């Protein structure tokens, strides 16, 4: 606005019959745009269009380009629990379940998104930046597992369907299997001893 006013004042001091005035424009070290009818090194020459007497055209102000709205993150289309599979039986895993998830499009970690698990209907506190998760301390028995994508505030962006799996572990009372218990019938001595069926025979006298 200040630069436009200076330009207008310079043109008003020129003769009324303006046809093709030359104006020079430059920027001082402080960043101010200055207009003058006197050339100087580094100045840019501006051709002022012909105008009727008494009417001085004023260059329009530089209009700031409207800022483009920030791109919104793409919405998630699918989230699936790949492993464990539905109705899968896990044998002797030591309480550690390897969970594998599939999310499309890819998890947007830069936007603060993370994965969260729900085990047996209970939301776990941990948040994971990747789709391969080692879930510890899973007890023997049947369990349900589902996954969610959440944002920084914890809002759920998408949730998966739940899968059911079963963990088989050795019993704490019989860690080596059922054969460790003593048999109900005592074992037989080998080789077995039998009571004779017939009475012992007396030796016959030797003939003389």
Protein backbone atom coordinates (compact mmCIF):
# COMPACT_ATOMS: atom_id res chain seq x y z
CA UNK A 1 0.00 0.00 0.00
CA UNK A 2 2.86 2.36 0.87
CA UNK A 3 4.63 1.57 -2.43
CA UNK A 4 1.46 2.25 -4.41
CA UNK A 5 1.03 5.61 -2.68
CA UNK A 6 4.61 6.62 -3.55
CA UNK A 7 4.07 5.67 -7.17
CA UNK A 8 0.87 7.71 -7.28
CA UNK A 9 2.62 10.75 -5.83
CA UNK A 10 5.42 10.52 -8.40
CA UNK A 11 2.96 10.30 -11.27
CA UNK A 12 0.95 13.25 -9.98
CA UNK A 13 4.08 15.42 -10.05
CA UNK A 14 4.63 14.56 -13.72
CA UNK A 15 2.99 16.56 -16.54
CA UNK A 16 -0.71 16.05 -16.91
CA UNK A 17 -0.46 14.65 -20.45
CA UNK A 18 1.02 11.35 -19.57
CA UNK A 19 1.46 8.95 -22.44
CA UNK A 20 4.29 6.52 -21.66
CA UNK A 21 5.97 7.40 -18.38
CA UNK A 22 8.88 5.28 -17.23
CA UNK A 23 9.02 4.29 -13.58
CA UNK A 24 11.82 2.38 -11.89
CA UNK A 25 11.24 -0.10 -9.09
CA UNK A 26 13.71 -1.62 -6.61
CA UNK A 27 13.83 -3.04 -3.09
CA UNK A 28 15.98 -1.48 -0.37
CA UNK A 29 18.02 -3.51 2.18
CA UNK A 30 15.12 -3.34 4.63
CA UNK A 31 12.80 -5.11 2.16
CA UNK A 32 10.77 -1.99 1.22
CA UNK A 33 9.64 -1.68 -2.42
CA UNK A 34 10.52 1.79 -3.80
CA UNK A 35 9.33 3.47 -7.03
CA UNK A 36 11.11 6.40 -8.68
CA UNK A 37 11.37 8.19 -12.03
CA UNK A 38 15.15 8.19 -11.71
CA UNK A 39 16.99 5.05 -12.75
CA UNK A 40 19.51 3.42 -10.46
CA UNK A 41 21.63 0.26 -10.61
CA UNK A 42 19.51 -2.86 -10.03
CA UNK A 43 16.19 -1.06 -10.61
CA UNK A 44 13.53 -2.58 -12.86
CA UNK A 45 11.93 -0.36 -15.47
CA UNK A 46 8.10 -0.32 -15.50
CA UNK A 47 6.10 0.83 -18.52
CA UNK A 48 3.03 2.75 -17.40
CA UNK A 49 0.11 2.40 -19.90
CA UNK A 50 -1.22 5.49 -21.69
CA UNK A 51 -4.07 7.12 -19.76
CA UNK A 52 -6.30 10.16 -20.34
CA UNK A 53 -5.10 13.45 -18.94
CA UNK A 54 -5.59 13.77 -15.21
CA UNK A 55 -6.02 10.02 -14.69
CA UNK A 56 -3.01 8.21 -13.35
CA UNK A 57 -3.06 4.41 -13.37
CA UNK A 58 -1.86 2.82 -10.16
CA UNK A 59 -0.33 -0.70 -10.29
CA UNK A 60 -2.46 -3.21 -8.44
CA UNK A 61 -1.27 -4.54 -5.12
CA UNK A 62 0.40 -7.90 -5.11
CA UNK A 63 -2.25 -10.40 -4.09
CA UNK A 64 -1.13 -13.24 -1.90
CA UNK A 65 -1.95 -16.60 -3.38
CA UNK A 66 -4.49 -18.48 -1.27
CA UNK A 67 -2.80 -21.19 0.76
CA UNK A 68 -3.56 -24.72 -0.32
CA UNK A 69 -5.34 -26.79 2.34
CA UNK A 70 -3.18 -29.45 3.92
CA UNK A 71 -3.68 -32.89 2.41
CA UNK A 72 -5.76 -35.10 4.67
CA UNK A 73 -4.48 -38.62 5.36
CA UNK A 74 -6.12 -41.32 3.30
CA UNK A 75 -8.84 -43.31 5.03
CA UNK A 76 -8.15 -46.95 5.89
CA UNK A 77 -10.00 -49.49 3.78
CA UNK A 78 -9.19 -52.82 5.48
CA UNK A 79 -7.70 -54.26 8.67
CA UNK A 80 -7.39 -58.04 9.10
CA UNK A 81 -5.88 -60.39 11.67
CA UNK A 82 -3.81 -62.78 9.51
CA UNK A 83 -2.22 -64.79 12.34
CA UNK A 84 -3.29 -66.53 14.41
CA UNK A 85 -5.91 -67.79 12.01
CA UNK A 86 -9.50 -68.22 13.10
CA UNK A 87 -10.02 -71.49 15.04
CA UNK A 88 -6.27 -72.20 15.03
CA UNK A 89 -4.79 -74.34 17.83
CA UNK A 90 -1.36 -73.26 19.11
CA UNK A 91 0.74 -75.95 20.80
CA UNK A 92 3.39 -75.34 23.49
CA UNK A 93 4.06 -71.67 22.66
CA UNK A 94 5.24 -70.73 26.14
CA UNK A 95 2.60 -67.99 26.40
CA UNK A 96 3.95 -66.04 23.39
CA UNK A 97 1.53 -65.55 20.47
CA UNK A 98 2.91 -64.15 17.19
CA UNK A 99 0.31 -61.77 15.76
CA UNK A 100 0.38 -60.68 12.11
CA UNK A 101 -1.94 -57.94 10.81
CA UNK A 102 -2.77 -56.63 7.34
CA UNK A 103 -3.75 -52.95 6.97
CA UNK A 104 -4.59 -51.10 3.74
CA UNK A 105 -3.41 -48.54 2.94
CA UNK A 106 -0.18 -48.80 4.95
CA UNK A 107 -0.16 -47.55 8.53
CA UNK A 108 0.45 -43.79 8.56
CA UNK A 109 2.93 -43.58 11.43
CA UNK A 110 3.94 -40.01 10.51
CA UNK A 111 0.36 -38.91 11.25
CA UNK A 112 0.57 -40.46 14.73
CA UNK A 113 -1.44 -43.57 13.84
CA UNK A 114 -0.74 -46.87 15.62
CA UNK A 115 -2.10 -50.39 16.00
CA UNK A 116 -3.81 -51.62 19.16
CA UNK A 117 -5.03 -55.10 20.14
CA UNK A 118 -8.12 -56.36 21.91
CA UNK A 119 -7.69 -59.72 23.68
CA UNK A 120 -10.82 -61.45 24.98
CA UNK A 121 -12.76 -58.18 24.67
CA UNK A 122 -10.20 -56.19 26.71
CA UNK A 123 -8.28 -53.35 25.05
CA UNK A 124 -4.53 -53.67 25.68
CA UNK A 125 -2.56 -50.55 26.61
CA UNK A 126 0.36 -51.08 24.20
CA UNK A 127 0.40 -49.29 20.83
CA UNK A 128 2.39 -50.75 17.95
CA UNK A 129 3.90 -48.99 14.89
CA UNK A 130 4.18 -52.22 12.90
CA UNK A 131 1.95 -55.09 11.83
CA UNK A 132 4.13 -57.91 13.28
CA UNK A 133 3.54 -58.17 17.04
CA UNK A 134 4.73 -60.64 19.70
CA UNK A 135 1.96 -60.85 22.29
CA UNK A 136 3.28 -62.24 25.62
CA UNK A 137 1.66 -63.89 28.64
CA UNK A 138 -1.24 -65.55 26.81
CA UNK A 139 -2.58 -68.34 29.04
CA UNK A 140 -3.75 -71.75 27.90
CA UNK A 141 -7.35 -71.99 26.74
CA UNK A 142 -9.59 -70.33 24.15
CA UNK A 143 -9.15 -66.63 23.29
CA UNK A 144 -10.54 -63.98 20.94
CA UNK A 145 -8.31 -61.39 19.26
CA UNK A 146 -9.10 -58.22 17.28
CA UNK A 147 -7.08 -55.19 16.14
CA UNK A 148 -7.68 -51.44 15.77
CA UNK A 149 -5.97 -48.47 14.10
CA UNK A 150 -6.04 -45.42 16.39
CA UNK A 151 -4.89 -41.82 16.04
CA UNK A 152 -2.86 -39.71 18.49
CA UNK A 153 -5.93 -39.06 20.63
CA UNK A 154 -6.83 -42.75 20.78
CA UNK A 155 -9.85 -42.49 18.47
CA UNK A 156 -10.50 -45.70 16.52
CA UNK A 157 -10.09 -45.18 12.76
CA UNK A 158 -10.82 -48.77 11.73
CA UNK A 159 -11.33 -52.09 13.56
CA UNK A 160 -10.88 -55.69 12.39
CA UNK A 161 -13.15 -58.68 12.84
CA UNK A 162 -12.25 -60.89 15.81
CA UNK A 163 -10.64 -64.33 15.43
CA UNK A 164 -10.80 -67.21 17.91
CA UNK A 165 -7.77 -69.37 18.73
CA UNK A 166 -6.84 -71.93 21.39
CA UNK A 167 -3.58 -72.33 23.28
CA UNK A 168 -2.58 -75.86 24.36
CA UNK A 169 0.06 -76.05 27.08
CA UNK A 170 1.17 -78.93 29.37
CA UNK A 171 -0.66 -79.04 32.69
CA UNK A 172 1.22 -77.59 35.66
CA UNK A 173 0.28 -80.75 37.61
CA UNK A 174 1.52 -83.10 34.91
CA UNK A 175 4.14 -81.18 32.89
CA UNK A 176 5.52 -84.37 31.31
CA UNK A 177 2.20 -85.96 30.44
CA UNK A 178 -0.10 -88.53 32.13
CA UNK A 179 2.52 -91.36 32.25
CA UNK A 180 4.33 -89.90 35.26
CA UNK A 181 1.70 -91.16 37.72
CA UNK A 182 2.44 -94.55 39.45
CA UNK A 183 0.44 -97.47 38.03
CA UNK A 184 -2.51 -98.74 40.02
CA UNK A 185 -1.17 -102.34 39.87
CA UNK A 186 2.40 -102.95 41.14
CA UNK A 187 4.78 -104.13 38.50
CA UNK A 188 5.75 -107.80 38.25
CA UNK A 189 9.22 -109.07 39.03
CA UNK A 190 10.99 -110.37 35.95
CA UNK A 191 11.43 -113.18 35.36
CA UNK A 192 8.20 -114.11 37.14
CA UNK A 193 8.18 -116.82 39.77
CA UNK A 194 5.38 -119.37 39.75
CA UNK A 195 4.22 -121.78 42.46
CA UNK A 196 4.76 -125.37 41.30
CA UNK A 197 1.63 -127.10 40.19
CA UNK A 198 2.68 -130.70 40.94
CA UNK A 199 4.31 -131.93 44.15
CA UNK A 200 7.97 -132.70 43.81
CA UNK A 201 8.80 -136.30 42.77
CA UNK A 202 10.81 -138.48 45.14
CA UNK A 203 13.89 -140.02 43.60
CA UNK A 204 13.49 -143.70 42.73
CA UNK A 205 15.79 -146.20 44.54
CA UNK A 206 18.71 -147.40 42.52
CA UNK A 207 18.49 -151.25 41.85
CA UNK A 208 21.23 -153.36 43.38
